[in-house]
Every structure is written in C-alpha cells, then in structure tokens.
C-alpha cells in the first residue's frame, strides 16, 4: 500500500512540475493573417513553388551563405488586378534549440520591405524587437551582414543571426529563381 501511495505522490509531483514549467511558445500570426498583413485584405495571393536545380541551389547557398534544406522553396505573390504587389516567404528555423518563424516581404523589385515574426518559441528575452528588423529594409543582399552595418543585439545574438540568415536566403532565392529568370 505504501508503494502505491509513493507512486501516486510521485505522479502528482511530476504533473505539478510539468504544469509549472515555463512555456515560451508564442504564435503571433496565422498564415492567413500573415498574408493579409503582407498584401492587404483584398489582394489575391498566389503560391509560387520553386524547384532550384543543383546549379541554382549552389548559387543560392553561395549568395546567402546558408544551406538550403529542401529542394522546394515557396514564395507567396500578392496581386491586385494582375499587378504584383510584392512577394512574401515564410521561413522557419531553429534559433538556439527551438524554432522561430519569420515572414520576409519583398517589393516587386526584390527589396526587403518588411520582416515580421510569426512565431517564436525561445524565451521572449531572446526575441529581437520588431524595430531591429527595420534596419534590414531596402538593404541589398551583400549588405545583409553584421560586418556591413547591421547592428546585433547583446543577449539575442543567435536570434539576430538566425533572422539575418533567413533574410539572406530569401533574397538569394529571389535573385536566382525569380529575378534572373525574368531576364530570360
């Protein structure tokens, strides 16, 4: 009987510890909310699936200085009366041990127009503030670098580095898969 009571106490203690453990996961926008944020309420949003070949993937990796994890890359294209309003890409990656999802928005010409955090699962003190993303706007791909004027944040080094990697990847995919192909 004592063994069963100890087992029940241990189970209750574990349940209390699990319930008291901090949960940092925060989802700020759903995909639909993000698309409305990117292109407005009345825009048409088309999905553009891109399949870079080996040469294109190598060029993207070289330009972005990041690894492509997949052979499929998706852009969302906002349109209004067949006029392109811009592009958006949703990028998810691990910051330290938990994921972060950003939406990187580009103008029709491929310049960064905005970066928005859609979800952040690390502790909130590691999340860069939205004003940090402001410095990434209109900055060309080669200048998306801490050594070229992008300011880091003490205490959020991994988060800012992960965000910068995502922005560089989106810009490189745009340059290789959309901009370069529109010249053909």
N, C-alpha and C. Protein backbone atom coordinates (compact mmCIF):
# COMPACT_ATOMS: atom_id res chain seq x y z
N UNK A 1 0.82 -1.20 0.00
CA UNK A 1 0.00 0.00 0.00
C UNK A 1 0.86 1.27 0.00
N UNK A 2 2.00 1.24 0.80
CA UNK A 2 2.89 2.40 0.86
C UNK A 2 3.54 2.66 -0.51
N UNK A 3 3.84 1.58 -1.22
CA UNK A 3 4.48 1.72 -2.54
C UNK A 3 3.53 2.42 -3.50
N UNK A 4 2.24 2.06 -3.47
CA UNK A 4 1.25 2.70 -4.35
C UNK A 4 1.11 4.18 -4.01
N UNK A 5 1.06 4.52 -2.71
CA UNK A 5 0.95 5.94 -2.31
C UNK A 5 2.15 6.76 -2.78
N UNK A 6 3.36 6.15 -2.63
CA UNK A 6 4.56 6.86 -3.09
C UNK A 6 4.50 7.07 -4.60
N UNK A 7 4.01 6.06 -5.31
CA UNK A 7 3.90 6.17 -6.78
C UNK A 7 2.92 7.27 -7.15
N UNK A 8 1.79 7.34 -6.46
CA UNK A 8 0.79 8.38 -6.75
C UNK A 8 1.36 9.76 -6.42
N UNK A 9 2.07 9.87 -5.29
CA UNK A 9 2.69 11.16 -4.93
C UNK A 9 3.70 11.60 -6.00
N UNK A 10 4.51 10.63 -6.43
CA UNK A 10 5.50 10.97 -7.48
C UNK A 10 4.80 11.44 -8.75
N UNK A 11 3.73 10.76 -9.13
CA UNK A 11 2.99 11.16 -10.34
C UNK A 11 2.42 12.56 -10.18
N UNK A 12 1.82 12.85 -9.02
CA UNK A 12 1.27 14.18 -8.78
C UNK A 12 2.35 15.24 -8.80
N UNK A 13 3.51 14.93 -8.18
CA UNK A 13 4.62 15.88 -8.18
C UNK A 13 5.10 16.14 -9.61
N UNK A 14 5.23 15.10 -10.41
CA UNK A 14 5.66 15.28 -11.81
C UNK A 14 4.65 16.11 -12.60
N UNK A 15 3.36 15.87 -12.35
CA UNK A 15 2.33 16.64 -13.05
C UNK A 15 2.41 18.13 -12.67
N UNK A 16 2.65 18.40 -11.37
CA UNK A 16 2.76 19.79 -10.92
C UNK A 16 4.00 20.46 -11.52
N UNK A 17 5.11 19.75 -11.57
CA UNK A 17 6.33 20.30 -12.15
C UNK A 17 6.12 20.58 -13.63
N UNK A 18 5.49 19.65 -14.33
CA UNK A 18 5.24 19.83 -15.76
C UNK A 18 4.32 21.02 -16.01
N UNK A 19 3.31 21.17 -15.17
CA UNK A 19 2.38 22.29 -15.34
C UNK A 19 3.03 23.62 -15.01
N UNK A 20 4.00 23.61 -14.08
CA UNK A 20 4.65 24.85 -13.68
C UNK A 20 5.82 25.22 -14.59
N UNK A 21 6.27 24.30 -15.45
CA UNK A 21 7.40 24.60 -16.34
C UNK A 21 7.02 25.73 -17.29
N UNK A 22 7.93 26.65 -17.50
CA UNK A 22 7.60 27.78 -18.37
C UNK A 22 7.43 27.35 -19.82
N UNK A 23 6.43 27.90 -20.45
CA UNK A 23 6.20 27.66 -21.86
C UNK A 23 6.35 29.00 -22.57
N UNK A 24 7.31 29.07 -23.47
CA UNK A 24 7.61 30.34 -24.12
C UNK A 24 7.01 30.46 -25.51
N UNK A 25 6.47 29.36 -26.01
CA UNK A 25 5.99 29.37 -27.39
C UNK A 25 4.93 30.44 -27.58
N UNK A 26 5.13 31.24 -28.59
CA UNK A 26 4.15 32.28 -28.88
C UNK A 26 3.98 32.35 -30.39
N UNK A 27 2.74 32.23 -30.81
CA UNK A 27 2.39 32.36 -32.22
C UNK A 27 1.68 33.69 -32.37
N UNK A 28 2.23 34.56 -33.20
CA UNK A 28 1.70 35.90 -33.34
C UNK A 28 0.67 36.01 -34.45
N UNK A 29 0.91 35.30 -35.56
CA UNK A 29 0.01 35.38 -36.71
C UNK A 29 -0.17 34.00 -37.32
N UNK A 30 -1.38 33.70 -37.79
CA UNK A 30 -1.61 32.51 -38.59
C UNK A 30 -1.14 32.81 -40.01
N UNK A 31 -1.12 31.81 -40.85
CA UNK A 31 -0.70 32.03 -42.25
C UNK A 31 -1.64 33.01 -42.95
N UNK A 32 -2.94 32.85 -42.75
CA UNK A 32 -3.90 33.75 -43.39
C UNK A 32 -3.74 35.19 -42.90
N UNK A 33 -3.54 35.35 -41.60
CA UNK A 33 -3.31 36.69 -41.04
C UNK A 33 -2.03 37.29 -41.61
N UNK A 34 -1.01 36.44 -41.76
CA UNK A 34 0.26 36.92 -42.31
C UNK A 34 0.10 37.39 -43.75
N UNK A 35 -0.66 36.65 -44.55
CA UNK A 35 -0.86 37.05 -45.94
C UNK A 35 -1.63 38.38 -46.02
N UNK A 36 -2.60 38.55 -45.13
CA UNK A 36 -3.33 39.82 -45.10
C UNK A 36 -2.42 40.96 -44.66
N UNK A 37 -1.56 40.69 -43.71
CA UNK A 37 -0.59 41.68 -43.25
C UNK A 37 0.37 42.07 -44.39
N UNK A 38 0.77 41.08 -45.18
CA UNK A 38 1.74 41.32 -46.25
C UNK A 38 1.14 42.08 -47.42
N UNK A 39 -0.07 41.70 -47.82
CA UNK A 39 -0.60 42.22 -49.08
C UNK A 39 -1.92 42.97 -48.96
N UNK A 40 -2.49 43.02 -47.80
CA UNK A 40 -3.77 43.69 -47.62
C UNK A 40 -4.93 42.71 -47.74
N UNK A 41 -6.08 43.18 -47.33
CA UNK A 41 -7.24 42.32 -47.22
C UNK A 41 -7.80 41.89 -48.59
N UNK A 42 -7.70 42.73 -49.59
CA UNK A 42 -8.35 42.45 -50.87
C UNK A 42 -7.43 41.86 -51.93
N UNK A 43 -6.18 41.64 -51.60
CA UNK A 43 -5.24 41.13 -52.59
C UNK A 43 -5.45 39.65 -52.86
N UNK A 44 -5.14 39.25 -54.08
CA UNK A 44 -5.10 37.83 -54.41
C UNK A 44 -3.71 37.34 -54.04
N UNK A 45 -3.65 36.17 -53.44
CA UNK A 45 -2.35 35.61 -53.06
C UNK A 45 -2.17 34.29 -53.81
N UNK A 46 -1.11 34.23 -54.59
CA UNK A 46 -0.79 33.01 -55.33
C UNK A 46 0.47 32.39 -54.74
N UNK A 47 0.48 31.09 -54.73
CA UNK A 47 1.65 30.36 -54.24
C UNK A 47 2.56 30.08 -55.43
N UNK A 48 3.83 30.41 -55.29
CA UNK A 48 4.82 30.18 -56.33
C UNK A 48 5.82 29.15 -55.81
N UNK A 49 5.72 27.93 -56.32
CA UNK A 49 6.62 26.86 -55.88
C UNK A 49 7.84 26.84 -56.78
N UNK A 50 9.00 26.89 -56.19
CA UNK A 50 10.25 26.93 -56.94
C UNK A 50 11.08 25.68 -56.64
N UNK A 51 11.67 25.11 -57.67
CA UNK A 51 12.47 23.89 -57.52
C UNK A 51 13.87 24.17 -58.08
N UNK A 52 14.77 24.71 -57.29
CA UNK A 52 16.11 25.01 -57.80
C UNK A 52 16.86 23.73 -58.18
N UNK A 53 17.53 23.79 -59.37
CA UNK A 53 18.37 22.64 -59.74
C UNK A 53 19.69 22.75 -58.97
N UNK A 54 20.62 21.85 -59.23
CA UNK A 54 21.87 21.83 -58.46
C UNK A 54 22.66 23.13 -58.59
N UNK A 55 22.75 23.65 -59.81
CA UNK A 55 23.50 24.90 -60.02
C UNK A 55 22.82 26.07 -59.32
N UNK A 56 21.50 26.13 -59.43
CA UNK A 56 20.77 27.22 -58.77
C UNK A 56 20.89 27.11 -57.25
N UNK A 57 20.78 25.89 -56.73
CA UNK A 57 20.90 25.69 -55.28
C UNK A 57 22.29 26.10 -54.80
N UNK A 58 23.32 25.74 -55.58
CA UNK A 58 24.68 26.12 -55.20
C UNK A 58 24.84 27.64 -55.21
N UNK A 59 24.26 28.30 -56.21
CA UNK A 59 24.36 29.77 -56.27
C UNK A 59 23.61 30.41 -55.10
N UNK A 60 22.42 29.87 -54.79
CA UNK A 60 21.65 30.39 -53.65
C UNK A 60 22.45 30.24 -52.36
N UNK A 61 23.04 29.07 -52.17
CA UNK A 61 23.82 28.83 -50.95
C UNK A 61 25.05 29.74 -50.89
N UNK A 62 25.66 29.97 -52.04
CA UNK A 62 26.83 30.85 -52.07
C UNK A 62 26.44 32.29 -51.73
N UNK A 63 25.37 32.77 -52.35
CA UNK A 63 24.93 34.15 -52.11
C UNK A 63 24.43 34.36 -50.68
N UNK A 64 23.69 33.38 -50.18
CA UNK A 64 23.08 33.55 -48.85
C UNK A 64 23.98 33.11 -47.71
N UNK A 65 25.00 32.35 -48.03
CA UNK A 65 25.90 31.77 -47.03
C UNK A 65 25.14 30.90 -46.03
N UNK A 66 24.06 30.29 -46.52
CA UNK A 66 23.28 29.35 -45.72
C UNK A 66 23.02 28.11 -46.57
N UNK A 67 22.59 27.06 -45.93
CA UNK A 67 22.30 25.82 -46.63
C UNK A 67 20.81 25.74 -46.93
N UNK A 68 20.50 25.33 -48.15
CA UNK A 68 19.10 25.06 -48.50
C UNK A 68 18.75 23.68 -47.95
N UNK A 69 17.72 23.59 -47.14
CA UNK A 69 17.36 22.32 -46.53
C UNK A 69 16.42 21.51 -47.40
N UNK A 70 15.89 22.11 -48.44
CA UNK A 70 14.88 21.43 -49.25
C UNK A 70 15.06 21.77 -50.72
N UNK A 71 14.56 20.90 -51.56
CA UNK A 71 14.56 21.15 -53.00
C UNK A 71 13.34 21.94 -53.44
N UNK A 72 12.49 22.30 -52.52
CA UNK A 72 11.29 23.09 -52.81
C UNK A 72 11.34 24.37 -52.00
N UNK A 73 11.08 25.47 -52.69
CA UNK A 73 11.03 26.74 -51.99
C UNK A 73 9.75 27.46 -52.42
N UNK A 74 9.04 28.04 -51.47
CA UNK A 74 7.75 28.65 -51.77
C UNK A 74 7.76 30.14 -51.49
N UNK A 75 7.34 30.88 -52.49
CA UNK A 75 7.07 32.30 -52.33
C UNK A 75 5.56 32.50 -52.44
N UNK A 76 5.05 33.51 -51.80
CA UNK A 76 3.66 33.93 -51.95
C UNK A 76 3.69 35.25 -52.71
N UNK A 77 2.88 35.33 -53.73
CA UNK A 77 2.86 36.52 -54.58
C UNK A 77 1.53 37.22 -54.37
N UNK A 78 1.59 38.45 -53.91
CA UNK A 78 0.38 39.25 -53.72
C UNK A 78 0.08 40.02 -54.99
N UNK A 79 -1.16 39.93 -55.46
CA UNK A 79 -1.54 40.62 -56.70
C UNK A 79 -2.85 41.37 -56.49
N UNK A 80 -2.96 42.43 -57.24
CA UNK A 80 -4.22 43.16 -57.29
C UNK A 80 -4.43 43.57 -58.74
N UNK A 81 -5.48 43.05 -59.35
CA UNK A 81 -5.78 43.28 -60.77
C UNK A 81 -4.55 42.96 -61.63
N UNK A 82 -3.99 41.78 -61.43
CA UNK A 82 -2.84 41.25 -62.16
C UNK A 82 -1.55 42.05 -61.98
N UNK A 83 -1.56 43.03 -61.11
CA UNK A 83 -0.34 43.78 -60.80
C UNK A 83 0.29 43.18 -59.54
N UNK A 84 1.59 42.86 -59.62
CA UNK A 84 2.27 42.28 -58.47
C UNK A 84 2.48 43.34 -57.40
N UNK A 85 1.97 43.06 -56.20
CA UNK A 85 2.15 43.97 -55.06
C UNK A 85 3.45 43.69 -54.33
N UNK A 86 3.88 42.43 -54.37
CA UNK A 86 5.10 42.04 -53.68
C UNK A 86 5.16 40.54 -53.49
N UNK A 87 6.22 40.12 -52.82
CA UNK A 87 6.43 38.70 -52.54
C UNK A 87 6.59 38.53 -51.03
N UNK A 88 6.24 37.35 -50.57
CA UNK A 88 6.46 37.01 -49.16
C UNK A 88 6.96 35.58 -49.08
N UNK A 89 7.86 35.35 -48.15
CA UNK A 89 8.34 33.99 -47.89
C UNK A 89 8.25 33.74 -46.40
N UNK A 90 7.83 32.57 -46.04
CA UNK A 90 7.75 32.18 -44.64
C UNK A 90 8.90 31.23 -44.36
N UNK A 91 9.77 31.64 -43.45
CA UNK A 91 10.98 30.90 -43.13
C UNK A 91 10.93 30.43 -41.69
N UNK A 92 11.13 29.15 -41.47
CA UNK A 92 11.17 28.59 -40.13
C UNK A 92 12.54 27.94 -39.91
N UNK A 93 13.10 28.17 -38.76
CA UNK A 93 14.39 27.57 -38.43
C UNK A 93 14.61 27.58 -36.93
N UNK A 94 15.58 26.81 -36.50
CA UNK A 94 15.91 26.74 -35.09
C UNK A 94 16.84 27.89 -34.72
N UNK A 95 16.51 28.57 -33.63
CA UNK A 95 17.35 29.66 -33.16
C UNK A 95 18.46 29.10 -32.27
N UNK A 96 18.10 28.63 -31.12
CA UNK A 96 19.05 28.01 -30.19
C UNK A 96 18.69 26.54 -30.11
N UNK A 97 17.52 26.26 -29.54
CA UNK A 97 17.03 24.88 -29.50
C UNK A 97 15.58 24.80 -29.97
N UNK A 98 14.96 25.95 -30.14
CA UNK A 98 13.54 25.97 -30.50
C UNK A 98 13.33 26.81 -31.77
N UNK A 99 12.20 26.57 -32.45
CA UNK A 99 12.00 27.24 -33.74
C UNK A 99 11.52 28.69 -33.65
N UNK A 100 11.76 29.37 -34.74
CA UNK A 100 11.28 30.73 -34.96
C UNK A 100 10.76 30.74 -36.40
N UNK A 101 9.68 31.45 -36.61
CA UNK A 101 9.15 31.59 -37.97
C UNK A 101 9.04 33.07 -38.30
N UNK A 102 9.66 33.45 -39.41
CA UNK A 102 9.61 34.83 -39.86
C UNK A 102 8.92 34.88 -41.21
N UNK A 103 8.27 35.99 -41.48
CA UNK A 103 7.79 36.27 -42.83
C UNK A 103 8.64 37.43 -43.35
N UNK A 104 9.30 37.16 -44.47
CA UNK A 104 10.13 38.19 -45.11
C UNK A 104 9.37 38.66 -46.34
N UNK A 105 9.07 39.95 -46.39
CA UNK A 105 8.31 40.51 -47.50
C UNK A 105 9.24 41.30 -48.41
N UNK A 106 9.04 41.13 -49.70
CA UNK A 106 9.84 41.82 -50.70
C UNK A 106 8.95 42.68 -51.57
N UNK A 107 9.52 43.77 -52.06
CA UNK A 107 8.81 44.60 -53.04
C UNK A 107 8.79 43.86 -54.37
N UNK A 108 8.02 44.33 -55.36
CA UNK A 108 8.04 43.68 -56.68
C UNK A 108 9.44 43.65 -57.29
N UNK A 109 10.33 44.57 -56.89
CA UNK A 109 11.71 44.60 -57.38
C UNK A 109 12.67 43.76 -56.55
N UNK A 110 12.18 43.14 -55.49
CA UNK A 110 13.01 42.24 -54.70
C UNK A 110 13.75 42.88 -53.54
N UNK A 111 13.37 44.05 -53.12
CA UNK A 111 13.98 44.67 -51.93
C UNK A 111 13.17 44.27 -50.69
N UNK A 112 13.85 44.12 -49.57
CA UNK A 112 13.15 43.77 -48.33
C UNK A 112 12.26 44.94 -47.93
N UNK A 113 10.96 44.68 -47.82
CA UNK A 113 10.03 45.74 -47.41
C UNK A 113 9.61 45.59 -45.95
N UNK A 114 9.70 44.38 -45.42
CA UNK A 114 9.34 44.18 -44.02
C UNK A 114 9.74 42.77 -43.58
N UNK A 115 10.00 42.62 -42.30
CA UNK A 115 10.26 41.31 -41.69
C UNK A 115 9.39 41.25 -40.44
N UNK A 116 8.58 40.21 -40.34
CA UNK A 116 7.65 40.07 -39.23
C UNK A 116 7.83 38.70 -38.59
N UNK A 117 7.86 38.69 -37.28
CA UNK A 117 7.94 37.43 -36.54
C UNK A 117 6.55 36.83 -36.46
N UNK A 118 6.39 35.63 -37.04
CA UNK A 118 5.09 34.95 -36.99
C UNK A 118 4.98 34.05 -35.77
N UNK A 119 6.09 33.44 -35.36
CA UNK A 119 6.08 32.58 -34.18
C UNK A 119 7.48 32.56 -33.59
N UNK A 120 7.55 32.50 -32.27
CA UNK A 120 8.84 32.48 -31.59
C UNK A 120 8.70 31.58 -30.37
N UNK A 121 9.49 30.52 -30.32
CA UNK A 121 9.34 29.53 -29.25
C UNK A 121 10.46 29.58 -28.21
N UNK A 122 11.45 30.41 -28.44
CA UNK A 122 12.51 30.59 -27.43
C UNK A 122 11.97 31.54 -26.35
N UNK A 123 12.69 31.68 -25.23
CA UNK A 123 12.26 32.67 -24.22
C UNK A 123 12.15 34.06 -24.84
N UNK A 124 11.17 34.85 -24.43
CA UNK A 124 10.92 36.15 -25.07
C UNK A 124 12.11 37.12 -25.03
N UNK A 125 12.98 36.98 -24.02
CA UNK A 125 14.12 37.91 -23.95
C UNK A 125 15.12 37.70 -25.08
N UNK A 126 15.02 36.56 -25.78
CA UNK A 126 15.90 36.29 -26.92
C UNK A 126 15.32 36.80 -28.24
N UNK A 127 14.10 37.26 -28.23
CA UNK A 127 13.45 37.71 -29.47
C UNK A 127 13.86 39.13 -29.81
N UNK A 128 14.40 39.32 -31.02
CA UNK A 128 14.72 40.70 -31.42
C UNK A 128 13.43 41.51 -31.55
N UNK A 129 13.45 42.77 -31.12
CA UNK A 129 12.24 43.59 -31.28
C UNK A 129 12.00 43.89 -32.75
N UNK A 130 10.77 44.21 -33.08
CA UNK A 130 10.42 44.49 -34.48
C UNK A 130 11.25 45.65 -35.03
N UNK A 131 11.61 46.61 -34.17
CA UNK A 131 12.42 47.75 -34.66
C UNK A 131 13.80 47.30 -35.12
N UNK A 132 14.30 46.17 -34.59
CA UNK A 132 15.58 45.65 -35.08
C UNK A 132 15.45 45.25 -36.55
N UNK A 133 14.29 44.69 -36.92
CA UNK A 133 14.07 44.27 -38.31
C UNK A 133 14.06 45.46 -39.28
N UNK A 134 13.77 46.66 -38.75
CA UNK A 134 13.69 47.86 -39.60
C UNK A 134 14.99 48.08 -40.37
N UNK A 135 16.13 47.79 -39.74
CA UNK A 135 17.42 48.05 -40.39
C UNK A 135 17.68 47.12 -41.57
N UNK A 136 16.87 46.08 -41.73
CA UNK A 136 17.07 45.14 -42.83
C UNK A 136 16.34 45.58 -44.09
N UNK A 137 15.42 46.55 -43.94
CA UNK A 137 14.62 47.02 -45.09
C UNK A 137 15.52 47.69 -46.13
N UNK A 138 15.23 47.41 -47.39
CA UNK A 138 15.90 48.03 -48.54
C UNK A 138 17.41 47.84 -48.56
N UNK A 139 17.93 47.00 -47.73
CA UNK A 139 19.37 46.74 -47.70
C UNK A 139 19.65 45.62 -48.71
N UNK A 140 20.55 45.84 -49.67
CA UNK A 140 20.81 44.79 -50.66
C UNK A 140 21.45 43.54 -50.03
N UNK A 141 21.36 42.44 -50.72
CA UNK A 141 21.84 41.15 -50.20
C UNK A 141 23.28 41.21 -49.68
N UNK A 142 24.25 41.77 -50.43
CA UNK A 142 25.62 41.77 -49.90
C UNK A 142 25.79 42.56 -48.59
N UNK A 143 24.86 43.47 -48.31
CA UNK A 143 24.96 44.28 -47.09
C UNK A 143 24.13 43.75 -45.93
N UNK A 144 23.51 42.60 -46.12
CA UNK A 144 22.78 41.95 -45.02
C UNK A 144 23.80 41.18 -44.19
N UNK A 145 24.59 41.93 -43.44
CA UNK A 145 25.73 41.32 -42.75
C UNK A 145 26.07 42.17 -41.53
N UNK A 146 26.46 41.50 -40.44
CA UNK A 146 26.86 42.24 -39.24
C UNK A 146 28.13 43.07 -39.50
N UNK A 147 28.94 42.65 -40.45
CA UNK A 147 30.16 43.39 -40.76
C UNK A 147 29.93 44.54 -41.74
N UNK A 148 28.68 44.70 -42.18
CA UNK A 148 28.38 45.76 -43.14
C UNK A 148 27.25 46.66 -42.66
N UNK A 149 27.21 46.90 -41.37
CA UNK A 149 26.29 47.88 -40.83
C UNK A 149 25.07 47.36 -40.11
N UNK A 150 24.78 46.07 -40.20
CA UNK A 150 23.65 45.53 -39.43
C UNK A 150 24.09 45.41 -37.98
N UNK A 151 23.32 46.02 -37.09
CA UNK A 151 23.65 46.02 -35.67
C UNK A 151 23.12 44.76 -35.00
N UNK A 152 23.92 44.14 -34.17
CA UNK A 152 23.49 42.99 -33.40
C UNK A 152 22.82 43.42 -32.11
N UNK A 153 22.32 42.45 -31.37
CA UNK A 153 21.70 42.74 -30.08
C UNK A 153 22.37 41.86 -29.04
N UNK A 154 22.97 42.47 -28.04
CA UNK A 154 23.58 41.71 -26.96
C UNK A 154 22.50 40.91 -26.23
N UNK A 155 22.72 39.63 -26.08
CA UNK A 155 21.74 38.77 -25.42
C UNK A 155 20.78 38.11 -26.40
N UNK A 156 20.79 38.55 -27.65
CA UNK A 156 19.93 37.92 -28.67
C UNK A 156 20.76 37.63 -29.93
N UNK A 157 22.01 37.31 -29.71
CA UNK A 157 22.94 37.09 -30.83
C UNK A 157 22.46 35.98 -31.75
N UNK A 158 22.07 34.85 -31.17
CA UNK A 158 21.64 33.73 -32.01
C UNK A 158 20.35 34.05 -32.77
N UNK A 159 19.45 34.77 -32.13
CA UNK A 159 18.18 35.14 -32.78
C UNK A 159 18.42 36.08 -33.95
N UNK A 160 19.28 37.08 -33.74
CA UNK A 160 19.53 38.03 -34.83
C UNK A 160 20.30 37.36 -35.96
N UNK A 161 21.23 36.49 -35.60
CA UNK A 161 21.99 35.76 -36.64
C UNK A 161 21.04 34.87 -37.45
N UNK A 162 20.12 34.17 -36.76
CA UNK A 162 19.16 33.31 -37.47
C UNK A 162 18.25 34.13 -38.38
N UNK A 163 17.82 35.30 -37.90
CA UNK A 163 16.96 36.16 -38.72
C UNK A 163 17.70 36.66 -39.95
N UNK A 164 18.92 37.07 -39.75
CA UNK A 164 19.73 37.56 -40.88
C UNK A 164 19.97 36.45 -41.91
N UNK A 165 20.21 35.23 -41.44
CA UNK A 165 20.38 34.10 -42.37
C UNK A 165 19.11 33.89 -43.21
N UNK A 166 17.96 33.99 -42.55
CA UNK A 166 16.68 33.80 -43.27
C UNK A 166 16.47 34.88 -44.32
N UNK A 167 16.77 36.11 -43.97
CA UNK A 167 16.60 37.21 -44.92
C UNK A 167 17.54 37.04 -46.11
N UNK A 168 18.79 36.69 -45.83
CA UNK A 168 19.75 36.47 -46.94
C UNK A 168 19.29 35.34 -47.85
N UNK A 169 18.75 34.28 -47.26
CA UNK A 169 18.28 33.14 -48.06
C UNK A 169 17.12 33.57 -48.97
N UNK A 170 16.18 34.31 -48.42
CA UNK A 170 15.03 34.75 -49.22
C UNK A 170 15.50 35.66 -50.36
N UNK A 171 16.41 36.58 -50.06
CA UNK A 171 16.91 37.46 -51.11
C UNK A 171 17.66 36.68 -52.18
N UNK A 172 18.44 35.69 -51.78
CA UNK A 172 19.19 34.89 -52.75
C UNK A 172 18.25 34.04 -53.60
N UNK A 173 17.23 33.46 -53.00
CA UNK A 173 16.26 32.67 -53.78
C UNK A 173 15.55 33.58 -54.77
N UNK A 174 15.16 34.76 -54.32
CA UNK A 174 14.51 35.70 -55.24
C UNK A 174 15.44 36.04 -56.41
N UNK A 175 16.68 36.37 -56.08
CA UNK A 175 17.62 36.78 -57.12
C UNK A 175 17.86 35.67 -58.15
N UNK A 176 18.03 34.45 -57.69
CA UNK A 176 18.36 33.34 -58.60
C UNK A 176 17.12 32.79 -59.29
N UNK A 177 16.04 32.64 -58.57
CA UNK A 177 14.88 31.92 -59.11
C UNK A 177 13.81 32.83 -59.73
N UNK A 178 13.79 34.09 -59.39
CA UNK A 178 12.76 34.98 -59.94
C UNK A 178 13.40 36.08 -60.78
N UNK A 179 14.30 36.84 -60.20
CA UNK A 179 14.89 37.99 -60.92
C UNK A 179 15.69 37.53 -62.13
N UNK A 180 16.60 36.56 -61.93
CA UNK A 180 17.44 36.10 -63.04
C UNK A 180 16.61 35.43 -64.12
N UNK A 181 15.54 34.72 -63.74
CA UNK A 181 14.71 34.02 -64.73
C UNK A 181 13.81 34.98 -65.51
N UNK A 182 13.50 36.13 -64.90
CA UNK A 182 12.66 37.09 -65.63
C UNK A 182 13.43 37.77 -66.75
N UNK A 183 14.77 37.69 -66.68
CA UNK A 183 15.61 38.27 -67.73
C UNK A 183 15.61 37.40 -68.99
N UNK A 184 15.32 36.08 -68.80
CA UNK A 184 15.36 35.15 -69.95
C UNK A 184 14.26 35.40 -70.95
